[in-house]
Protein backbone atom coordinates (compact mmCIF):
# COMPACT_ATOMS: atom_id res chain seq x y z
CA MET A 1 -25.24 61.50 62.32
CA ASN A 2 -26.73 60.95 65.48
CA ASP A 3 -24.84 58.70 67.74
CA ALA A 4 -27.89 56.75 68.97
CA THR A 5 -28.14 55.61 65.81
CA VAL A 6 -24.94 53.98 65.18
CA PRO A 7 -24.81 49.99 66.34
CA PRO A 8 -22.16 49.16 69.14
CA PRO A 9 -18.99 47.18 67.76
CA GLY A 10 -19.48 43.92 67.63
CA PRO A 11 -16.71 41.96 70.01
CA GLY A 12 -13.01 41.39 68.86
CA LEU A 13 -12.99 37.73 67.15
CA GLN A 14 -8.75 37.23 67.96
CA ARG A 15 -9.56 35.69 71.59
CA TRP A 16 -12.20 32.88 71.22
CA LEU A 17 -12.46 31.02 74.53
CA ALA A 18 -14.74 27.56 73.02
CA LEU A 19 -16.26 24.60 74.92
CA ASP A 20 -18.75 22.11 75.37
CA THR A 21 -20.06 19.65 77.54
CA SER A 22 -23.09 18.52 76.35
CA ALA A 23 -22.17 14.79 75.51
CA SER A 24 -19.80 12.79 76.42
CA THR A 25 -16.52 14.19 75.83
CA LEU A 26 -15.24 17.05 77.20
CA SER A 27 -14.36 19.82 74.40
CA VAL A 28 -12.02 22.78 74.62
CA ALA A 29 -9.97 25.23 72.57
CA VAL A 30 -9.13 28.46 71.93
CA GLY A 31 -8.13 30.48 68.96
CA ALA A 32 -10.10 33.22 66.63
CA ALA A 33 -13.32 33.04 66.01
CA GLY A 34 -13.85 31.61 62.18
CA ALA A 35 -10.54 30.47 62.09
CA ALA A 36 -10.22 26.89 60.91
CA GLU A 37 -8.06 25.39 63.19
CA PRO A 38 -7.35 26.79 67.01
CA LEU A 39 -4.58 27.71 68.40
CA ALA A 40 -5.10 25.06 70.96
CA TRP A 41 -7.80 22.79 72.23
CA HIS A 42 -8.08 19.43 74.38
CA GLU A 43 -11.26 16.79 74.37
CA GLY A 44 -11.11 14.34 77.23
CA GLU A 45 -13.71 12.33 78.99
CA GLY A 46 -16.68 14.73 79.71
CA GLY A 47 -19.86 12.69 81.72
CA ALA A 48 -20.14 13.09 85.63
CA GLN A 49 -16.16 14.25 85.75
CA ALA A 50 -17.18 17.88 83.34
CA SER A 51 -18.32 19.63 86.56
CA ALA A 52 -14.77 19.33 87.51
CA THR A 53 -12.15 19.32 84.69
CA LEU A 54 -13.89 22.13 82.74
CA LEU A 55 -12.79 24.66 84.52
CA PRO A 56 -9.04 23.41 85.00
CA THR A 57 -8.79 22.67 81.52
CA VAL A 58 -9.91 26.18 80.56
CA MET A 59 -7.11 27.86 82.22
CA ALA A 60 -4.62 24.75 81.51
CA LEU A 61 -5.74 25.70 77.80
CA LEU A 62 -5.21 29.79 78.50
CA GLN A 63 -1.83 29.82 79.74
CA ARG A 64 -0.74 27.57 77.22
CA ALA A 65 -2.31 30.50 74.79
CA GLY A 66 -0.19 32.86 76.86
CA TRP A 67 -3.84 34.40 77.59
CA ARG A 68 -4.94 36.01 80.54
CA LEU A 69 -9.15 35.14 81.14
CA ALA A 70 -9.40 39.37 80.83
CA GLU A 71 -7.77 39.20 77.28
CA LEU A 72 -10.41 37.67 75.84
CA ASP A 73 -12.71 38.69 73.01
CA GLY A 74 -15.52 36.10 74.30
CA ILE A 75 -16.85 32.98 74.99
CA VAL A 76 -18.85 30.46 72.37
CA PHE A 77 -20.15 27.32 73.84
CA GLY A 78 -23.15 24.46 73.15
CA HIS A 79 -26.63 25.54 74.69
CA GLY A 80 -27.64 22.39 73.71
CA PRO A 81 -30.16 20.07 73.30
CA GLY A 82 -28.23 17.83 74.93
CA SER A 83 -26.90 16.23 78.65
CA PHE A 84 -28.60 18.07 81.05
CA THR A 85 -25.78 18.33 83.81
CA GLY A 86 -23.79 18.60 81.13
CA LEU A 87 -25.37 21.66 79.83
CA ARG A 88 -25.76 23.21 82.61
CA THR A 89 -22.29 22.69 83.79
CA ALA A 90 -21.31 24.03 81.04
CA CYS A 91 -23.41 27.23 81.76
CA ALA A 92 -22.57 27.57 85.25
CA VAL A 93 -18.95 27.43 83.89
CA VAL A 94 -19.20 30.31 81.38
CA GLN A 95 -21.15 32.40 83.54
CA GLY A 96 -18.56 32.85 85.67
CA LEU A 97 -15.68 33.23 83.24
CA ALA A 98 -17.35 35.59 81.42
CA ALA A 99 -18.64 37.40 84.28
CA GLY A 100 -16.15 37.67 86.40
CA ALA A 101 -13.21 38.55 83.98
CA ARG A 102 -13.06 42.15 83.44
CA PRO A 103 -15.99 44.72 84.76
CA GLY A 104 -18.64 44.62 81.61
CA GLY A 105 -17.76 41.16 81.17
CA VAL A 106 -17.16 39.05 78.39
CA PRO A 107 -19.24 38.60 75.35
CA VAL A 108 -21.40 35.22 75.60
CA LEU A 109 -22.30 33.88 72.29
CA PRO A 110 -24.30 30.27 72.82
CA LEU A 111 -24.93 28.01 69.59
CA GLY A 112 -26.96 24.85 68.70
CA THR A 113 -24.88 22.01 69.11
CA LEU A 114 -26.81 20.14 66.76
CA LEU A 115 -25.14 23.11 64.61
CA ALA A 116 -21.70 22.28 65.80
CA VAL A 117 -22.07 18.25 64.66
CA ALA A 118 -23.87 19.89 60.80
CA GLU A 119 -20.17 22.05 60.90
CA ALA A 120 -17.44 19.30 62.41
CA ALA A 121 -19.38 16.43 59.56
CA ARG A 122 -18.90 18.93 56.83
CA ALA A 123 -15.67 19.96 58.40
CA ARG A 124 -14.70 15.79 58.67
CA HIS A 125 -16.27 14.69 55.74
CA ALA A 126 -17.06 17.56 52.79
CA PRO A 127 -14.64 20.33 53.52
CA ARG A 128 -14.41 21.16 50.11
CA SER A 129 -18.17 21.06 49.06
CA ALA A 130 -19.56 24.44 47.89
CA GLN A 131 -23.07 23.01 49.29
CA LEU A 132 -24.28 21.08 51.34
CA THR A 133 -27.28 19.76 53.61
CA VAL A 134 -26.28 17.73 57.05
CA HIS A 135 -29.27 16.36 58.78
CA ALA A 136 -27.03 16.26 62.70
CA ALA A 137 -28.10 13.79 65.10
CA LEU A 138 -28.20 13.31 69.06
CA ASP A 139 -29.53 11.05 71.24
CA ALA A 140 -32.02 12.04 73.83
CA ARG A 141 -32.22 8.96 75.94
CA MET A 142 -35.47 7.68 76.33
CA ASP A 143 -36.02 6.05 72.57
CA GLU A 144 -36.29 9.55 71.78
CA VAL A 145 -33.22 11.45 68.98
CA TYR A 146 -32.01 15.08 68.91
CA VAL A 147 -32.52 15.74 65.25
CA ALA A 148 -32.37 18.79 62.83
CA ARG A 149 -31.35 19.50 59.55
CA TYR A 150 -28.23 22.01 58.21
CA ALA A 151 -27.57 23.77 55.00
CA TRP A 152 -24.09 24.75 53.82
CA ASP A 153 -23.00 27.47 51.26
CA ALA A 154 -19.74 28.49 50.83
CA ALA A 155 -20.54 31.75 49.68
CA HIS A 156 -22.74 32.20 52.93
CA GLY A 157 -22.28 29.52 55.27
CA TRP A 158 -25.01 27.86 57.35
CA ARG A 159 -28.71 27.98 57.51
CA GLU A 160 -31.46 25.89 59.37
CA LEU A 161 -34.08 24.17 57.74
CA ASP A 162 -35.70 22.17 60.51
CA GLY A 163 -34.75 23.47 64.71
CA PRO A 164 -33.86 20.66 66.88
CA HIS A 165 -36.34 18.90 67.83
CA LEU A 166 -37.48 14.92 68.63
CA ARG A 167 -38.11 12.08 66.55
CA ARG A 168 -38.34 8.63 67.56
CA PRO A 169 -34.83 6.76 65.66
CA GLU A 170 -36.79 5.01 63.27
CA ASP A 171 -38.67 8.16 62.38
CA LEU A 172 -35.22 9.80 61.45
CA PRO A 173 -35.02 11.72 58.62
CA GLN A 174 -32.58 10.75 55.49
CA GLU A 175 -31.89 12.71 51.97
CA ASP A 176 -29.89 11.14 48.92
CA GLY A 177 -27.11 13.28 49.17
CA ALA A 178 -26.81 14.36 52.35
CA LEU A 179 -24.87 13.38 55.44
CA HIS A 180 -26.87 12.16 58.07
CA ALA A 181 -24.21 12.27 61.16
CA GLY A 182 -24.14 12.67 64.54
CA ASN A 183 -24.14 9.29 67.35
CA VAL A 184 -27.15 7.23 66.98
CA ALA A 185 -25.89 4.63 65.11
CA GLY A 186 -23.70 3.08 68.42
CA VAL A 187 -26.83 3.54 70.00
CA TYR A 188 -30.43 2.25 68.47
CA GLY A 189 -28.62 0.27 64.90
CA GLU A 190 -31.02 -1.12 62.80
CA ARG A 191 -33.81 0.65 64.22
CA LEU A 192 -32.87 3.77 62.08
CA PRO A 193 -33.45 4.28 58.99
CA PRO A 194 -30.69 2.58 56.63
CA ALA A 195 -28.56 6.20 56.07
CA TRP A 196 -28.09 6.45 59.62
CA ARG A 197 -27.00 3.13 60.63
CA THR A 198 -22.81 3.95 59.97
CA GLU A 199 -21.07 6.43 60.51
CA ALA A 200 -17.95 6.77 58.93
CA GLY A 201 -15.09 7.33 60.85
CA GLY A 202 -17.09 6.85 64.66
CA ALA A 203 -19.51 9.22 66.07
CA THR A 204 -19.32 12.97 64.90
CA LEU A 205 -20.28 14.92 68.68
CA PRO A 206 -20.26 18.88 69.11
CA CYS A 207 -16.39 19.99 70.02
CA ALA A 208 -15.57 23.45 70.68
CA ARG A 209 -13.13 23.63 67.30
CA ALA A 210 -16.46 23.29 65.52
CA LEU A 211 -17.63 25.95 67.38
CA LEU A 212 -14.62 28.14 67.03
CA ARG A 213 -14.97 28.55 63.41
CA LEU A 214 -18.73 29.37 63.47
CA ALA A 215 -18.26 31.50 65.95
CA ALA A 216 -17.15 34.77 63.52
CA ALA A 217 -20.67 34.28 61.46
CA GLY A 218 -22.41 34.48 65.26
CA VAL A 219 -20.89 37.50 65.85
CA ALA A 220 -22.58 38.95 62.59
CA ALA A 221 -25.35 38.35 63.28
CA GLY A 222 -25.51 39.63 66.76
CA ARG A 223 -26.32 36.89 68.55
CA CYS A 224 -23.64 37.67 71.24
CA VAL A 225 -25.54 37.86 74.63
CA ASP A 226 -23.94 39.09 78.45
CA ALA A 227 -23.37 36.20 81.06
CA HIS A 228 -26.37 35.98 82.30
CA GLY A 229 -28.11 34.84 78.43
CA ALA A 230 -26.15 32.07 78.80
CA GLN A 231 -28.64 29.60 79.33
CA PRO A 232 -29.28 25.71 78.09
CA LEU A 233 -31.39 25.05 75.61
CA TYR A 234 -32.91 21.80 76.44
CA VAL A 235 -35.63 20.99 73.75
CA ARG A 236 -36.87 18.28 76.15
CA ASP A 237 -38.46 19.79 79.51
CA LYS A 238 -39.09 16.28 81.41
CA VAL A 239 -35.98 14.87 82.32
CA ALA A 240 -37.61 11.52 83.85
CA LEU A 241 -39.85 9.00 82.83
CA THR A 242 -42.51 7.99 85.71
CA VAL A 243 -42.62 4.38 87.19
CA ASP A 244 -46.01 4.19 84.41
CA GLU A 245 -43.70 5.27 81.66
CA GLN A 246 -40.32 3.04 82.16
CA ALA A 247 -42.95 0.20 82.01
CA ALA A 248 -44.03 1.23 79.30
CA LEU A 249 -41.02 1.69 77.36
CA ARG A 250 -39.38 -1.58 78.70
CA ALA A 251 -41.71 -3.44 77.18
CA GLY A 252 -41.93 -1.87 73.80
CA ARG A 253 -38.22 -2.51 73.88
CA ALA A 254 -39.02 -6.30 74.45
CA ALA A 255 -41.88 -6.45 71.24
CA ARG A 256 -39.06 -5.03 69.12
């Protein structure tokens, strides 16, 4: 067989770094891709502090695991949608770590934050389910919500049914027998359809532990990129409202 027809081997699965700063929590984990539990993990306050605390947290976890950065098989991170600042922070740190770890760099696996929410909800509420549908939603601010729908099959893993998109809180889909997970109940309350108004055990956010569990499937699907491929998935391109749009939004809220 001609060597040119043989695909290059994928990255190993034993030593992975996972991180997410897309929401209000900074989440980092190290362990084997696809493992049920990480070797070590940390969750703390994110937001504006993430840019200062993410890198020290990563290095502390690597030290706890006894790994050097150059020994990583790959880095998986939540590339969006989410906080614009949080996504840019994650991308910048991942690019720097992956490119500087060793000659040739470390493979990077960008995964969706809503998929991470779905996986976190599955592990939390239905870990033994053979089949499951999850609607995942995250507050997008500006009176909108990021939402996506996924199907879980224990034999085949996750499948995206409806990709990440924006909706108004009142227009979120609800489905009998499905999980509805995210962080919107505490933000929008009674404005939401009934299935979204309670979040058992509190909000479900994207987390590094979920990303680590998802990483093996992402590697098998050939989704790894190089350091420069660590780019954010914004969904919404516009980050600020005009003065008129802000006034209209306030008026709409006051009318409810």
